[in-house]
Amino acid sequence: LFRGVFIRFFMQPNIIFIYWTAIGAHYIRSKFNLRDIFAFFVVILVVCLLYTSYDAQNQKRNTFVSDYGHWVVEPLPPNTILLAKGDLVCNSIIYLQICEG
């Protein structure tokens, strides 16, 4: 649980890296007039990334949030008012209310 919350904060530096990479790629493309070759390379790169990491990133069968929400709510008696704090607890219960009724 802690690792899942903690790892989200490592995404922010990647945004800065991607921004500067895009500026550099735009500069190289405009400097050397490689528009068609550059577009082909980007498409090939995206396809390769999807092919190599799709299975690892596919969360289609991940039911952790739903299971955790059921685990929190099921032992409660009917018409209970639940006071909760924290992302995982609150979001899993909100998910159950909105998506599963």
C-alpha atoms as a PDB file:
ATOM      1  CA  LEU A   1       0.000   0.000   0.000  1.00  0.00           C
ATOM      2  CA  PHE A   2       2.707   2.483   0.938  1.00  0.00           C
ATOM      3  CA  ARG A   3       4.688   1.678  -2.202  1.00  0.00           C
ATOM      4  CA  GLY A   4       1.653   2.371  -4.399  1.00  0.00           C
ATOM      5  CA  VAL A   5       1.127   5.787  -2.831  1.00  0.00           C
ATOM      6  CA  PHE A   6       4.826   6.597  -2.708  1.00  0.00           C
ATOM      7  CA  ILE A   7       5.566   5.687  -6.331  1.00  0.00           C
ATOM      8  CA  ARG A   8       3.073   8.266  -7.687  1.00  0.00           C
ATOM      9  CA  PHE A   9       5.421  11.091  -6.722  1.00  0.00           C
ATOM     10  CA  PHE A  10       8.117   9.830  -9.092  1.00  0.00           C
ATOM     11  CA  MET A  11       5.944  10.650 -12.122  1.00  0.00           C
ATOM     12  CA  GLN A  12       6.340  14.427 -11.733  1.00  0.00           C
ATOM     13  CA  PRO A  13      10.027  14.624 -12.749  1.00  0.00           C
ATOM     14  CA  ASN A  14       9.190  12.574 -15.843  1.00  0.00           C
ATOM     15  CA  ILE A  15       6.903  15.357 -17.042  1.00  0.00           C
ATOM     16  CA  ILE A  16       9.828  17.804 -17.002  1.00  0.00           C
ATOM     17  CA  PHE A  17      12.039  15.267 -18.783  1.00  0.00           C
ATOM     18  CA  ILE A  18       9.423  14.658 -21.479  1.00  0.00           C
ATOM     19  CA  TYR A  19       8.936  18.405 -21.961  1.00  0.00           C
ATOM     20  CA  TRP A  20      12.653  19.008 -22.561  1.00  0.00           C
ATOM     21  CA  THR A  21      12.906  15.907 -24.757  1.00  0.00           C
ATOM     22  CA  ALA A  22      10.058  17.219 -26.926  1.00  0.00           C
ATOM     23  CA  ILE A  23      11.765  20.608 -27.238  1.00  0.00           C
ATOM     24  CA  GLY A  24      15.014  18.909 -28.256  1.00  0.00           C
ATOM     25  CA  ALA A  25      13.251  16.667 -30.760  1.00  0.00           C
ATOM     26  CA  HIS A  26      11.487  19.661 -32.275  1.00  0.00           C
ATOM     27  CA  TYR A  27      14.794  21.517 -32.560  1.00  0.00           C
ATOM     28  CA  ILE A  28      16.518  18.571 -34.262  1.00  0.00           C
ATOM     29  CA  ARG A  29      13.602  18.084 -36.634  1.00  0.00           C
ATOM     30  CA  SER A  30      13.498  21.754 -37.649  1.00  0.00           C
ATOM     31  CA  LYS A  31      17.292  22.135 -37.854  1.00  0.00           C
ATOM     32  CA  PHE A  32      17.930  19.158 -40.125  1.00  0.00           C
ATOM     33  CA  ASN A  33      14.581  19.103 -42.009  1.00  0.00           C
ATOM     34  CA  LEU A  34      13.885  15.446 -41.186  1.00  0.00           C
ATOM     35  CA  ARG A  35      10.108  15.708 -41.004  1.00  0.00           C
ATOM     36  CA  ASP A  36       9.164  12.392 -42.672  1.00  0.00           C
ATOM     37  CA  ILE A  37      11.982  10.334 -41.179  1.00  0.00           C
ATOM     38  CA  PHE A  38      11.328  11.791 -37.740  1.00  0.00           C
ATOM     39  CA  ALA A  39       7.589  11.010 -37.901  1.00  0.00           C
ATOM     40  CA  PHE A  40       8.357   7.444 -39.003  1.00  0.00           C
ATOM     41  CA  PHE A  41      10.836   7.016 -36.133  1.00  0.00           C
ATOM     42  CA  VAL A  42       8.280   8.291 -33.588  1.00  0.00           C
ATOM     43  CA  VAL A  43       5.600   5.917 -34.861  1.00  0.00           C
ATOM     44  CA  ILE A  44       8.013   2.967 -34.760  1.00  0.00           C
ATOM     45  CA  LEU A  45       9.101   3.938 -31.240  1.00  0.00           C
ATOM     46  CA  VAL A  46       5.505   4.088 -29.975  1.00  0.00           C
ATOM     47  CA  VAL A  47       4.652   0.742 -31.555  1.00  0.00           C
ATOM     48  CA  CYS A  48       7.759  -0.877 -30.034  1.00  0.00           C
ATOM     49  CA  LEU A  49       6.938   0.510 -26.584  1.00  0.00           C
ATOM     50  CA  LEU A  50       3.380  -0.764 -26.800  1.00  0.00           C
ATOM     51  CA  TYR A  51       4.525  -4.176 -27.980  1.00  0.00           C
ATOM     52  CA  THR A  52       7.178  -4.631 -25.282  1.00  0.00           C
ATOM     53  CA  SER A  53       5.337  -3.261 -22.250  1.00  0.00           C
ATOM     54  CA  TYR A  54       1.620  -3.812 -22.873  1.00  0.00           C
ATOM     55  CA  ASP A  55       1.408  -7.055 -20.898  1.00  0.00           C
ATOM     56  CA  ALA A  56       3.202  -5.556 -17.912  1.00  0.00           C
ATOM     57  CA  GLN A  57       1.031  -2.421 -17.896  1.00  0.00           C
ATOM     58  CA  ASN A  58      -2.336  -4.053 -18.619  1.00  0.00           C
ATOM     59  CA  GLN A  59      -4.494  -3.679 -15.506  1.00  0.00           C
ATOM     60  CA  LYS A  60      -7.661  -5.107 -17.063  1.00  0.00           C
ATOM     61  CA  ARG A  61      -8.016  -7.920 -14.528  1.00  0.00           C
ATOM     62  CA  ASN A  62      -6.848  -5.922 -11.479  1.00  0.00           C
ATOM     63  CA  THR A  63      -9.659  -5.902  -8.922  1.00  0.00           C
ATOM     64  CA  PHE A  64      -7.701  -4.710  -5.899  1.00  0.00           C
ATOM     65  CA  VAL A  65      -9.642  -1.486  -5.320  1.00  0.00           C
ATOM     66  CA  SER A  66     -13.008  -3.202  -5.684  1.00  0.00           C
ATOM     67  CA  ASP A  67     -11.970  -6.076  -3.406  1.00  0.00           C
ATOM     68  CA  TYR A  68     -10.603  -3.683  -0.796  1.00  0.00           C
ATOM     69  CA  GLY A  69     -13.803  -1.610  -0.881  1.00  0.00           C
ATOM     70  CA  HIS A  70     -15.887  -4.754  -0.352  1.00  0.00           C
ATOM     71  CA  TRP A  71     -13.601  -5.780   2.498  1.00  0.00           C
ATOM     72  CA  VAL A  72     -14.160  -2.419   4.211  1.00  0.00           C
ATOM     73  CA  VAL A  73     -17.938  -2.194   3.635  1.00  0.00           C
ATOM     74  CA  GLU A  74     -19.176  -5.781   4.034  1.00  0.00           C
ATOM     75  CA  PRO A  75     -18.727  -6.130   7.831  1.00  0.00           C
ATOM     76  CA  LEU A  76     -20.679  -2.907   8.464  1.00  0.00           C
ATOM     77  CA  PRO A  77     -24.330  -3.112   9.504  1.00  0.00           C
ATOM     78  CA  PRO A  78     -26.974  -1.540   7.215  1.00  0.00           C
ATOM     79  CA  ASN A  79     -27.398   2.281   7.307  1.00  0.00           C
ATOM     80  CA  THR A  80     -24.004   2.796   8.915  1.00  0.00           C
ATOM     81  CA  ILE A  81     -22.250   6.136   8.630  1.00  0.00           C
ATOM     82  CA  LEU A  82     -18.612   5.435   7.855  1.00  0.00           C
ATOM     83  CA  LEU A  83     -15.962   8.015   8.655  1.00  0.00           C
ATOM     84  CA  ALA A  84     -12.895   7.281   6.550  1.00  0.00           C
ATOM     85  CA  LYS A  85      -9.592   8.964   5.868  1.00  0.00           C
ATOM     86  CA  GLY A  86      -7.042   8.237   3.172  1.00  0.00           C
ATOM     87  CA  ASP A  87      -6.949   7.876  -0.573  1.00  0.00           C
ATOM     88  CA  LEU A  88      -7.321   4.131  -0.832  1.00  0.00           C
ATOM     89  CA  VAL A  89     -10.158   3.749   1.645  1.00  0.00           C
ATOM     90  CA  CYS A  90     -12.196   6.709   0.385  1.00  0.00           C
ATOM     91  CA  ASN A  91     -11.622   6.060  -3.315  1.00  0.00           C
ATOM     92  CA  SER A  92     -12.462   2.363  -3.046  1.00  0.00           C
ATOM     93  CA  ILE A  93     -15.731   3.146  -1.289  1.00  0.00           C
ATOM     94  CA  ILE A  94     -16.573   5.901  -3.799  1.00  0.00           C
ATOM     95  CA  TYR A  95     -15.807   3.417  -6.586  1.00  0.00           C
ATOM     96  CA  LEU A  96     -18.247   0.926  -5.091  1.00  0.00           C
ATOM     97  CA  GLN A  97     -20.966   3.556  -4.731  1.00  0.00           C
ATOM     98  CA  ILE A  98     -20.639   4.958  -8.247  1.00  0.00           C
ATOM     99  CA  CYS A  99     -19.681   1.928 -10.330  1.00  0.00           C
ATOM    100  CA  GLU A 100     -21.242  -1.007  -8.542  1.00  0.00           C
ATOM    101  CA  GLY A 101     -24.193   0.706  -6.860  1.00  0.00           C
END
